[in-house]
């Protein structure tokens, strides 16, 4: 027997946000605005034209250590999930990646003669380019593929395994960057550990996006 999920449609939306403030970002990516008073999750979503079941699936996935979607697949809105992912792409590319780069520049010492700091920035820029290429590819190819499937049309020249192989390249770039920081950048202050933690936590959201798929 499946255990009930943490968040249900009858709970007040404000309770969800107070319980986990990271859900504010989820709300934003679904296009939900604040100012909902004591309304339930279902009422807030329906008033703003958002599929509440899909919102709850993402909210529970993010908030639960072990999550299994157990609802009727026919009531899960794939189009609503794709809208969420498209907004998440925009946020990560236009805001998150520039912030990470600024933090790296603030944390590393570029005055040394060993060029490790420049190597870190170089690898990060390569990682950022790979992320941008990957997300633009998803927006243009993967989401179009899914939209066609929803219309009952199967693409002959594309399958989801192609997407999976491209995603692995991003994980490889990020792992390589972390290894350079761990192995070769000296711990002169607390900035190196802080930099690594910030890099890991900031990019975890992107990994989570692809796990949702």
Protein backbone atom coordinates (compact mmCIF):
# COMPACT_ATOMS: atom_id res chain seq x y z
CA UNK A 1 0.00 0.00 0.00
CA UNK A 2 1.39 3.39 -0.99
CA UNK A 3 2.00 5.93 1.74
CA UNK A 4 0.25 9.31 1.22
CA UNK A 5 2.49 12.04 -0.11
CA UNK A 6 3.63 14.87 2.11
CA UNK A 7 1.60 17.55 0.34
CA UNK A 8 -2.04 17.15 -0.70
CA UNK A 9 -4.40 19.30 -2.73
CA UNK A 10 -6.52 20.34 0.27
CA UNK A 11 -3.58 21.81 2.24
CA UNK A 12 -3.13 25.56 2.34
CA UNK A 13 -0.54 26.74 -0.17
CA UNK A 14 0.99 28.94 2.54
CA UNK A 15 1.64 25.82 4.66
CA UNK A 16 3.70 24.30 1.84
CA UNK A 17 5.81 27.43 1.44
CA UNK A 18 6.43 27.81 5.17
CA UNK A 19 7.41 24.14 5.37
CA UNK A 20 9.85 24.37 2.44
CA UNK A 21 10.81 27.79 1.10
CA UNK A 22 12.46 26.27 -1.97
CA UNK A 23 8.91 25.68 -3.24
CA UNK A 24 8.73 29.43 -3.93
CA UNK A 25 10.93 28.71 -6.93
CA UNK A 26 8.63 25.88 -7.97
CA UNK A 27 5.68 28.26 -7.80
CA UNK A 28 7.52 30.80 -9.92
CA UNK A 29 8.35 28.20 -12.58
CA UNK A 30 4.70 27.19 -12.78
CA UNK A 31 3.75 30.85 -13.18
CA UNK A 32 1.98 31.01 -9.81
CA UNK A 33 1.91 34.35 -8.01
CA UNK A 34 1.80 35.12 -4.29
CA UNK A 35 -1.06 36.77 -2.40
CA UNK A 36 -3.22 33.64 -2.15
CA UNK A 37 -4.20 34.05 1.53
CA UNK A 38 -5.50 30.84 3.09
CA UNK A 39 -6.49 29.15 -0.17
CA UNK A 40 -5.72 25.49 -0.75
CA UNK A 41 -3.17 24.23 -3.25
CA UNK A 42 -5.95 23.13 -5.57
CA UNK A 43 -7.78 26.46 -5.41
CA UNK A 44 -4.62 28.53 -5.97
CA UNK A 45 -3.58 26.45 -8.98
CA UNK A 46 -7.02 26.34 -10.57
CA UNK A 47 -7.50 30.10 -10.10
CA UNK A 48 -4.27 30.73 -12.01
CA UNK A 49 -4.74 28.10 -14.70
CA UNK A 50 -2.12 25.61 -13.45
CA UNK A 51 -2.66 21.87 -13.22
CA UNK A 52 -2.59 21.25 -9.46
CA UNK A 53 -1.74 17.54 -9.76
CA UNK A 54 1.42 18.33 -11.71
CA UNK A 55 2.39 21.07 -9.27
CA UNK A 56 1.96 18.67 -6.34
CA UNK A 57 3.96 15.96 -8.11
CA UNK A 58 6.93 18.33 -8.48
CA UNK A 59 6.54 19.77 -4.97
CA UNK A 60 6.45 16.30 -3.41
CA UNK A 61 9.34 15.09 -5.56
CA UNK A 62 11.50 17.97 -4.32
CA UNK A 63 10.41 17.67 -0.68
CA UNK A 64 10.39 13.90 -0.15
CA UNK A 65 13.51 11.77 0.24
CA UNK A 66 11.88 8.91 -1.63
CA UNK A 67 9.14 9.80 -4.08
CA UNK A 68 7.13 7.55 -6.35
CA UNK A 69 4.38 8.96 -8.52
CA UNK A 70 1.41 6.70 -7.88
CA UNK A 71 -1.45 8.61 -9.46
CA UNK A 72 -3.35 7.92 -12.63
CA UNK A 73 -0.98 8.81 -15.49
CA UNK A 74 -3.89 10.29 -17.42
CA UNK A 75 -4.33 13.12 -14.88
CA UNK A 76 -0.66 14.11 -14.94
CA UNK A 77 -0.18 17.06 -17.31
CA UNK A 78 2.96 16.55 -19.41
CA UNK A 79 2.45 19.95 -21.06
CA UNK A 80 2.36 21.66 -17.64
CA UNK A 81 5.57 19.88 -16.67
CA UNK A 82 7.25 20.99 -19.89
CA UNK A 83 6.26 24.61 -19.21
CA UNK A 84 7.82 24.25 -15.76
CA UNK A 85 11.05 22.86 -17.23
CA UNK A 86 11.27 25.60 -19.87
CA UNK A 87 11.03 28.28 -17.17
CA UNK A 88 13.62 26.40 -15.12
CA UNK A 89 15.97 26.44 -18.11
CA UNK A 90 15.56 30.20 -18.49
CA UNK A 91 16.30 30.77 -14.79
CA UNK A 92 19.38 28.55 -14.77
CA UNK A 93 20.89 29.98 -17.96
CA UNK A 94 20.09 33.67 -17.43
CA UNK A 95 20.54 33.94 -13.66
CA UNK A 96 22.13 30.95 -11.95
CA UNK A 97 25.14 30.35 -14.20
CA UNK A 98 26.25 34.04 -14.13
CA UNK A 99 25.92 34.05 -10.32
CA UNK A 100 28.05 30.90 -9.99
CA UNK A 101 30.75 32.42 -12.20
CA UNK A 102 30.85 35.62 -10.13
CA UNK A 103 31.16 33.56 -6.95
CA UNK A 104 34.04 31.59 -8.45
CA UNK A 105 35.87 34.80 -9.38
CA UNK A 106 35.34 36.16 -5.85
CA UNK A 107 36.64 32.94 -4.29
CA UNK A 108 39.77 32.16 -6.30
CA UNK A 109 43.08 33.99 -6.34
CA UNK A 110 44.01 34.99 -9.89
CA UNK A 111 47.29 36.65 -8.82
CA UNK A 112 49.25 33.40 -8.53
CA UNK A 113 51.67 32.06 -11.10
CA UNK A 114 50.41 28.46 -11.22
CA UNK A 115 47.40 29.24 -13.46
CA UNK A 116 45.12 26.93 -11.45
CA UNK A 117 42.61 29.74 -10.96
CA UNK A 118 42.45 30.37 -14.69
CA UNK A 119 42.07 26.65 -15.33
CA UNK A 120 39.09 26.55 -12.96
CA UNK A 121 37.41 29.43 -14.77
CA UNK A 122 38.19 27.83 -18.13
CA UNK A 123 36.58 24.55 -17.10
CA UNK A 124 33.58 26.35 -15.66
CA UNK A 125 33.08 28.30 -18.90
CA UNK A 126 33.25 25.03 -20.84
CA UNK A 127 30.73 23.51 -18.45
CA UNK A 128 28.43 26.55 -18.85
CA UNK A 129 28.62 26.30 -22.65
CA UNK A 130 27.77 22.60 -22.48
CA UNK A 131 24.79 23.33 -20.21
CA UNK A 132 23.53 26.05 -22.57
CA UNK A 133 23.88 23.77 -25.61
CA UNK A 134 22.12 20.98 -23.75
CA UNK A 135 19.18 23.07 -22.55
CA UNK A 136 18.73 24.76 -25.92
CA UNK A 137 18.76 21.30 -27.48
CA UNK A 138 16.05 20.19 -25.06
CA UNK A 139 13.93 23.25 -25.80
CA UNK A 140 14.20 22.70 -29.55
CA UNK A 141 14.37 18.92 -29.90
CA UNK A 142 13.24 17.07 -26.77
CA UNK A 143 10.19 19.18 -25.97
CA UNK A 144 9.16 19.18 -29.63
CA UNK A 145 9.49 15.38 -29.61
CA UNK A 146 7.25 15.13 -26.52
CA UNK A 147 4.69 17.55 -27.99
CA UNK A 148 4.50 15.38 -31.10
CA UNK A 149 4.00 12.29 -28.95
CA UNK A 150 1.11 14.03 -27.17
CA UNK A 151 -0.40 14.59 -30.62
CA UNK A 152 -0.01 10.88 -31.37
CA UNK A 153 2.91 11.38 -33.76
CA UNK A 154 6.12 9.37 -33.40
CA UNK A 155 9.34 10.91 -34.72
CA UNK A 156 11.33 8.51 -36.88
CA UNK A 157 14.71 10.21 -36.47
CA UNK A 158 14.76 10.72 -32.68
CA UNK A 159 14.37 8.75 -29.46
CA UNK A 160 14.83 9.59 -25.79
CA UNK A 161 18.05 7.56 -25.55
CA UNK A 162 19.70 10.28 -27.65
CA UNK A 163 18.80 12.81 -24.96
CA UNK A 164 20.20 10.61 -22.18
CA UNK A 165 23.58 10.28 -23.87
CA UNK A 166 23.89 14.05 -24.24
CA UNK A 167 23.01 14.61 -20.57
CA UNK A 168 25.89 12.40 -19.43
CA UNK A 169 28.35 14.83 -21.03
CA UNK A 170 27.23 17.59 -18.66
CA UNK A 171 27.72 15.43 -15.59
CA UNK A 172 31.23 14.58 -16.79
CA UNK A 173 32.18 18.26 -17.19
CA UNK A 174 30.92 19.13 -13.72
CA UNK A 175 32.73 16.19 -12.09
CA UNK A 176 35.97 17.19 -13.80
CA UNK A 177 35.67 20.76 -12.55
CA UNK A 178 35.05 19.63 -8.96
CA UNK A 179 38.04 17.29 -9.11
CA UNK A 180 40.33 20.12 -10.20
CA UNK A 181 39.21 22.24 -7.26
CA UNK A 182 39.56 19.39 -4.77
CA UNK A 183 42.96 18.13 -5.97
CA UNK A 184 44.83 21.22 -7.06
CA UNK A 185 43.43 24.44 -5.61
CA UNK A 186 45.11 25.26 -2.25
CA UNK A 187 43.02 25.82 0.86
CA UNK A 188 44.39 29.26 1.80
CA UNK A 189 41.27 30.37 3.63
CA UNK A 190 37.80 28.90 3.98
CA UNK A 191 36.94 30.08 0.47
CA UNK A 192 37.88 26.86 -1.34
CA UNK A 193 35.51 24.65 0.65
CA UNK A 194 32.82 27.31 0.46
CA UNK A 195 33.31 27.62 -3.28
CA UNK A 196 33.01 23.85 -3.77
CA UNK A 197 29.89 23.67 -1.60
CA UNK A 198 28.28 26.57 -3.47
CA UNK A 199 29.11 25.00 -6.83
CA UNK A 200 27.68 21.64 -5.77
CA UNK A 201 24.49 23.04 -4.23
CA UNK A 202 23.87 25.45 -7.10
CA UNK A 203 24.23 22.82 -9.81
CA UNK A 204 22.21 20.26 -7.84
CA UNK A 205 19.03 22.00 -9.00
CA UNK A 206 19.95 21.35 -12.60
CA UNK A 207 20.60 17.68 -11.86
CA UNK A 208 17.24 17.54 -10.12
CA UNK A 209 15.51 18.93 -13.19
CA UNK A 210 16.78 16.03 -15.26
CA UNK A 211 15.87 13.52 -12.56
CA UNK A 212 12.28 14.79 -12.77
CA UNK A 213 12.26 13.62 -16.36
